[in-house]
Every structure is written in structure tokens, then in C-alpha cells.
Amino acid sequence: MKCNIQDCDKAVKARGMCQSHYSKRYHMENKSANAVRHKIWRENHPEQFSKQQARYRANNPDKERDRHWRRMLKQYGLTSGQYNDMLASQGNKCAICGIDATIYRNGLVVKDSRGRGPRRFAVDHDHATNRVRGLLCNRCNQGLGMFKEDGVILGKAIRYLDSRTLLR
């Protein structure tokens, strides 16, 4: 007897379906129970789970980067089109230092200072409201973070740089 799924010639294993179609249907019908079971397994086997994740990330760097990209866009309520429009409205440059995004190969830097890559411009946002301000290169984004996004502290740093004479 053959699987009752259209265009499948495999032998029936259960409920009129082959093993692969039955498994797919079972997993679709039992998503929440499977999620709970997997969560418990992850909690009871943290080292194995960590190794699996590391192996997956090493074998699928593009998927991992895309997953991070989608999560970031969702976090700020942006679509990839809106991101690209923002980049174009900034002249394809960092909103602070003006480094050209083409150096980043369409917003992706080939290698960053730690040898990692490729990376996109960061989405700069107000941490209090989560509203997006613009797109920044990694250095400018981290620089703002170092000054706690506080204009007063940043102003003091600017005045310090402008007023000091070099001691040596």
C-alpha cells in the first residue's frame, strides 16, 4: 500500500502515510507539546545543547547572520526596505562619521576590528523610547554607548578635547 499523500510513492507506515509525511503531520499537530519536551531536554542537557548550537552556527554562518538581522529588524519595528531607505536617506553613510557604506559592501563591513565579518550598520535608537534615530557604523554606535548616550557627558568630552594642550 502506498502513502495517501499526492505524488508520494513510499510505503505506508501509519494512518495511511509514509514515515516522513506522518512525522511532519505529527510534529505540526503537536507543536506545543514538542516545544515543552524540547525545552525540558535543553534544560537537562545544557552542554549537549550548547555544542549543537555551536556546531550549527559554525556550519551555517549565513543563516545565523540572517537570524540576527531579522531579530534586530523586528526589535526596532523595521522592514529591510525601511532599513535600506534609511541608509539611502543618509547618503549610504554613517550618520555621525560619514564612513561610506560601500566600504561595508552594501551595509556589510568585510571585516571589523576584531576580524569578524560581515556586519551591517547598527540601528541607533533611544534606549528610553526604543525609537530609531539612524544608522551608524560600529565604532560610532559603540562610542555613543560609552558616553551613555548622554549629551551632557558628550559635550564635556568635546570641550575637554578642544581646550586641552598636549602635555608632551
C-alpha atoms as a PDB file:
ATOM      1  CA  MET A   1       0.000   0.000   0.000  1.00  0.00           C
ATOM      2  CA  LYS A   2       1.283   3.494  -0.923  1.00  0.00           C
ATOM      3  CA  CYS A   3       1.179   6.771   1.004  1.00  0.00           C
ATOM      4  CA  ASN A   4      -2.099   8.656   0.514  1.00  0.00           C
ATOM      5  CA  ILE A   5      -0.271  11.980   0.063  1.00  0.00           C
ATOM      6  CA  GLN A   6      -0.377  13.116  -3.564  1.00  0.00           C
ATOM      7  CA  ASP A   7       2.735  12.293  -5.639  1.00  0.00           C
ATOM      8  CA  CYS A   8       4.241  10.116  -2.869  1.00  0.00           C
ATOM      9  CA  ASP A   9       5.031   6.518  -3.790  1.00  0.00           C
ATOM     10  CA  LYS A  10       6.514   5.441  -0.446  1.00  0.00           C
ATOM     11  CA  ALA A  11       5.100   2.553   1.551  1.00  0.00           C
ATOM     12  CA  VAL A  12       2.517   3.249   4.275  1.00  0.00           C
ATOM     13  CA  LYS A  13       3.792   3.176   7.862  1.00  0.00           C
ATOM     14  CA  ALA A  14       0.930   4.750   9.865  1.00  0.00           C
ATOM     15  CA  ARG A  15      -2.501   6.350   9.263  1.00  0.00           C
ATOM     16  CA  GLY A  16      -2.222   5.852   5.517  1.00  0.00           C
ATOM     17  CA  MET A  17       1.017   7.842   5.263  1.00  0.00           C
ATOM     18  CA  CYS A  18       4.681   7.073   4.811  1.00  0.00           C
ATOM     19  CA  GLN A  19       7.059   7.698   7.719  1.00  0.00           C
ATOM     20  CA  SER A  20       8.181  11.157   6.548  1.00  0.00           C
ATOM     21  CA  HIS A  21       4.660  12.510   5.940  1.00  0.00           C
ATOM     22  CA  TYR A  22       3.375  11.024   9.198  1.00  0.00           C
ATOM     23  CA  SER A  23       6.279  12.602  11.127  1.00  0.00           C
ATOM     24  CA  LYS A  24       5.663  16.023   9.551  1.00  0.00           C
ATOM     25  CA  ARG A  25       1.956  15.876  10.361  1.00  0.00           C
ATOM     26  CA  TYR A  26       2.611  14.634  13.904  1.00  0.00           C
ATOM     27  CA  HIS A  27       5.033  17.488  14.582  1.00  0.00           C
ATOM     28  CA  MET A  28       2.628  20.059  13.118  1.00  0.00           C
ATOM     29  CA  GLU A  29      -0.287  18.759  15.227  1.00  0.00           C
ATOM     30  CA  ASN A  30       1.781  18.603  18.435  1.00  0.00           C
ATOM     31  CA  LYS A  31       3.841  21.804  18.267  1.00  0.00           C
ATOM     32  CA  SER A  32       3.225  22.972  21.837  1.00  0.00           C
ATOM     33  CA  ALA A  33       3.863  19.536  23.375  1.00  0.00           C
ATOM     34  CA  ASN A  34       7.053  19.198  21.320  1.00  0.00           C
ATOM     35  CA  ALA A  35       8.176  22.683  22.368  1.00  0.00           C
ATOM     36  CA  VAL A  36       7.752  21.769  26.039  1.00  0.00           C
ATOM     37  CA  ARG A  37       9.573  18.464  25.543  1.00  0.00           C
ATOM     38  CA  HIS A  38      12.471  20.213  23.751  1.00  0.00           C
ATOM     39  CA  LYS A  39      12.672  22.916  26.430  1.00  0.00           C
ATOM     40  CA  ILE A  40      12.946  20.286  29.154  1.00  0.00           C
ATOM     41  CA  TRP A  41      15.633  18.459  27.165  1.00  0.00           C
ATOM     42  CA  ARG A  42      17.621  21.689  26.680  1.00  0.00           C
ATOM     43  CA  GLU A  43      17.423  22.434  30.414  1.00  0.00           C
ATOM     44  CA  ASN A  44      18.546  18.900  31.331  1.00  0.00           C
ATOM     45  CA  HIS A  45      21.330  18.735  28.715  1.00  0.00           C
ATOM     46  CA  PRO A  46      22.860  22.239  28.576  1.00  0.00           C
ATOM     47  CA  GLU A  47      26.303  21.074  27.452  1.00  0.00           C
ATOM     48  CA  GLN A  48      24.946  18.963  24.594  1.00  0.00           C
ATOM     49  CA  PHE A  49      22.627  21.780  23.541  1.00  0.00           C
ATOM     50  CA  SER A  50      25.488  24.281  23.622  1.00  0.00           C
ATOM     51  CA  LYS A  51      27.641  22.001  21.459  1.00  0.00           C
ATOM     52  CA  GLN A  52      24.774  21.519  18.988  1.00  0.00           C
ATOM     53  CA  GLN A  53      24.254  25.269  18.745  1.00  0.00           C
ATOM     54  CA  ALA A  54      27.972  25.933  18.246  1.00  0.00           C
ATOM     55  CA  ARG A  55      28.179  23.259  15.545  1.00  0.00           C
ATOM     56  CA  TYR A  56      25.101  24.665  13.788  1.00  0.00           C
ATOM     57  CA  ARG A  57      26.454  28.230  13.886  1.00  0.00           C
ATOM     58  CA  ALA A  58      29.831  27.106  12.572  1.00  0.00           C
ATOM     59  CA  ASN A  59      28.215  25.169   9.729  1.00  0.00           C
ATOM     60  CA  ASN A  60      25.604  27.852   8.900  1.00  0.00           C
ATOM     61  CA  PRO A  61      27.170  31.317   9.354  1.00  0.00           C
ATOM     62  CA  ASP A  62      24.891  32.923   6.745  1.00  0.00           C
ATOM     63  CA  LYS A  63      21.735  31.605   8.443  1.00  0.00           C
ATOM     64  CA  GLU A  64      22.970  32.790  11.835  1.00  0.00           C
ATOM     65  CA  ARG A  65      23.714  36.280  10.473  1.00  0.00           C
ATOM     66  CA  ASP A  66      20.294  36.407   8.778  1.00  0.00           C
ATOM     67  CA  ARG A  67      18.584  35.273  12.008  1.00  0.00           C
ATOM     68  CA  HIS A  68      20.308  38.073  13.914  1.00  0.00           C
ATOM     69  CA  TRP A  69      19.334  40.541  11.144  1.00  0.00           C
ATOM     70  CA  ARG A  70      15.639  39.544  11.258  1.00  0.00           C
ATOM     71  CA  ARG A  71      15.607  39.710  15.079  1.00  0.00           C
ATOM     72  CA  MET A  72      17.173  43.192  15.012  1.00  0.00           C
ATOM     73  CA  LEU A  73      14.679  44.499  12.453  1.00  0.00           C
ATOM     74  CA  LYS A  74      11.777  43.070  14.460  1.00  0.00           C
ATOM     75  CA  GLN A  75      13.135  44.585  17.676  1.00  0.00           C
ATOM     76  CA  TYR A  76      13.012  48.076  16.151  1.00  0.00           C
ATOM     77  CA  GLY A  77       9.841  47.536  14.105  1.00  0.00           C
ATOM     78  CA  LEU A  78      11.662  47.939  10.775  1.00  0.00           C
ATOM     79  CA  THR A  79      11.441  46.119   7.485  1.00  0.00           C
ATOM     80  CA  SER A  80      14.531  45.525   5.381  1.00  0.00           C
ATOM     81  CA  GLY A  81      13.080  48.056   2.915  1.00  0.00           C
ATOM     82  CA  GLN A  82      12.842  50.705   5.641  1.00  0.00           C
ATOM     83  CA  TYR A  83      16.423  49.963   6.700  1.00  0.00           C
ATOM     84  CA  ASN A  84      17.608  50.362   3.102  1.00  0.00           C
ATOM     85  CA  ASP A  85      15.576  53.587   2.739  1.00  0.00           C
ATOM     86  CA  MET A  86      17.184  54.980   5.920  1.00  0.00           C
ATOM     87  CA  LEU A  87      20.626  54.085   4.602  1.00  0.00           C
ATOM     88  CA  ALA A  88      19.856  55.790   1.275  1.00  0.00           C
ATOM     89  CA  SER A  89      18.480  58.903   3.048  1.00  0.00           C
ATOM     90  CA  GLN A  90      21.824  59.159   4.903  1.00  0.00           C
ATOM     91  CA  GLY A  91      23.651  59.050   1.560  1.00  0.00           C
ATOM     92  CA  ASN A  92      24.773  55.469   2.288  1.00  0.00           C
ATOM     93  CA  LYS A  93      26.997  56.816   5.059  1.00  0.00           C
ATOM     94  CA  CYS A  94      27.223  56.565   8.842  1.00  0.00           C
ATOM     95  CA  ALA A  95      25.062  59.329  10.333  1.00  0.00           C
ATOM     96  CA  ILE A  96      27.961  60.511  12.543  1.00  0.00           C
ATOM     97  CA  CYS A  97      31.383  59.959  10.946  1.00  0.00           C
ATOM     98  CA  GLY A  98      30.225  59.649   7.342  1.00  0.00           C
ATOM     99  CA  ILE A  99      32.083  56.427   6.527  1.00  0.00           C
ATOM    100  CA  ASP A 100      30.727  55.151   3.227  1.00  0.00           C
ATOM    101  CA  ALA A 101      28.519  52.080   3.384  1.00  0.00           C
ATOM    102  CA  THR A 102      30.009  50.842   0.128  1.00  0.00           C
ATOM    103  CA  ILE A 103      33.167  50.181   2.117  1.00  0.00           C
ATOM    104  CA  TYR A 104      30.842  47.948   4.087  1.00  0.00           C
ATOM    105  CA  ARG A 105      29.730  46.319   0.803  1.00  0.00           C
ATOM    106  CA  ASN A 106      26.085  47.483   0.751  1.00  0.00           C
ATOM    107  CA  GLY A 107      25.964  47.975   4.501  1.00  0.00           C
ATOM    108  CA  LEU A 108      28.048  44.904   5.368  1.00  0.00           C
ATOM    109  CA  VAL A 109      31.608  45.525   6.514  1.00  0.00           C
ATOM    110  CA  VAL A 110      34.008  42.919   5.166  1.00  0.00           C
ATOM    111  CA  LYS A 111      35.865  42.596   8.495  1.00  0.00           C
ATOM    112  CA  ASP A 112      35.522  44.574  11.699  1.00  0.00           C
ATOM    113  CA  SER A 113      38.355  45.468  14.080  1.00  0.00           C
ATOM    114  CA  ARG A 114      38.176  42.036  15.742  1.00  0.00           C
ATOM    115  CA  GLY A 115      38.397  40.193  12.425  1.00  0.00           C
ATOM    116  CA  ARG A 116      34.700  39.307  12.406  1.00  0.00           C
ATOM    117  CA  GLY A 117      32.543  39.943   9.435  1.00  0.00           C
ATOM    118  CA  PRO A 118      30.440  40.728   7.572  1.00  0.00           C
ATOM    119  CA  ARG A 119      28.439  43.216   9.646  1.00  0.00           C
ATOM    120  CA  ARG A 120      25.741  45.799   8.888  1.00  0.00           C
ATOM    121  CA  PHE A 121      25.432  49.345  10.136  1.00  0.00           C
ATOM    122  CA  ALA A 122      23.909  49.399  13.614  1.00  0.00           C
ATOM    123  CA  VAL A 123      20.396  50.725  14.158  1.00  0.00           C
ATOM    124  CA  ASP A 124      20.870  53.618  16.593  1.00  0.00           C
ATOM    125  CA  HIS A 125      17.906  54.075  18.895  1.00  0.00           C
ATOM    126  CA  ASP A 126      16.857  55.910  22.034  1.00  0.00           C
ATOM    127  CA  HIS A 127      17.011  53.343  24.844  1.00  0.00           C
ATOM    128  CA  ALA A 128      14.247  55.079  26.791  1.00  0.00           C
ATOM    129  CA  THR A 129      11.678  55.072  23.968  1.00  0.00           C
ATOM    130  CA  ASN A 130      13.191  52.457  21.586  1.00  0.00           C
ATOM    131  CA  ARG A 131      12.629  54.922  18.729  1.00  0.00           C
ATOM    132  CA  VAL A 132      15.114  54.712  15.866  1.00  0.00           C
ATOM    133  CA  ARG A 133      17.402  57.702  15.234  1.00  0.00           C
ATOM    134  CA  GLY A 134      19.537  56.485  12.342  1.00  0.00           C
ATOM    135  CA  LEU A 135      22.176  54.042  11.161  1.00  0.00           C
ATOM    136  CA  LEU A 136      25.716  54.130  12.500  1.00  0.00           C
ATOM    137  CA  CYS A 137      28.958  52.311  11.838  1.00  0.00           C
ATOM    138  CA  ASN A 138      30.039  50.033  14.657  1.00  0.00           C
ATOM    139  CA  ARG A 139      32.624  52.456  16.068  1.00  0.00           C
ATOM    140  CA  CYS A 140      30.217  55.394  16.288  1.00  0.00           C
ATOM    141  CA  ASN A 141      27.491  53.228  17.780  1.00  0.00           C
ATOM    142  CA  GLN A 142      29.860  51.915  20.455  1.00  0.00           C
ATOM    143  CA  GLY A 143      31.198  55.426  21.064  1.00  0.00           C
ATOM    144  CA  LEU A 144      27.720  56.719  21.867  1.00  0.00           C
ATOM    145  CA  GLY A 145      27.231  53.777  24.194  1.00  0.00           C
ATOM    146  CA  MET A 146      30.481  54.559  26.016  1.00  0.00           C
ATOM    147  CA  PHE A 147      29.137  58.045  26.736  1.00  0.00           C
ATOM    148  CA  LYS A 148      25.835  56.516  27.924  1.00  0.00           C
ATOM    149  CA  GLU A 149      24.052  58.417  25.126  1.00  0.00           C
ATOM    150  CA  ASP A 150      24.226  61.450  27.409  1.00  0.00           C
ATOM    151  CA  GLY A 151      24.628  64.750  25.562  1.00  0.00           C
ATOM    152  CA  VAL A 152      25.978  66.469  28.684  1.00  0.00           C
ATOM    153  CA  ILE A 153      28.795  63.947  29.094  1.00  0.00           C
ATOM    154  CA  LEU A 154      29.492  64.016  25.359  1.00  0.00           C
ATOM    155  CA  GLY A 155      29.591  67.828  25.459  1.00  0.00           C
ATOM    156  CA  LYS A 156      32.106  67.702  28.319  1.00  0.00           C
ATOM    157  CA  ALA A 157      34.264  65.316  26.299  1.00  0.00           C
ATOM    158  CA  ILE A 158      34.175  67.674  23.307  1.00  0.00           C
ATOM    159  CA  ARG A 159      35.093  70.676  25.473  1.00  0.00           C
ATOM    160  CA  TYR A 160      37.903  68.620  27.025  1.00  0.00           C
ATOM    161  CA  LEU A 161      39.340  67.758  23.611  1.00  0.00           C
ATOM    162  CA  ASP A 162      39.060  71.352  22.402  1.00  0.00           C
ATOM    163  CA  SER A 163      40.576  73.005  25.491  1.00  0.00           C
ATOM    164  CA  ARG A 164      43.489  70.763  26.420  1.00  0.00           C
ATOM    165  CA  THR A 165      47.014  71.296  25.274  1.00  0.00           C
ATOM    166  CA  LEU A 166      49.192  68.286  24.845  1.00  0.00           C
ATOM    167  CA  LEU A 167      51.484  67.700  27.832  1.00  0.00           C
ATOM    168  CA  ARG A 168      54.324  66.164  25.815  1.00  0.00           C
END
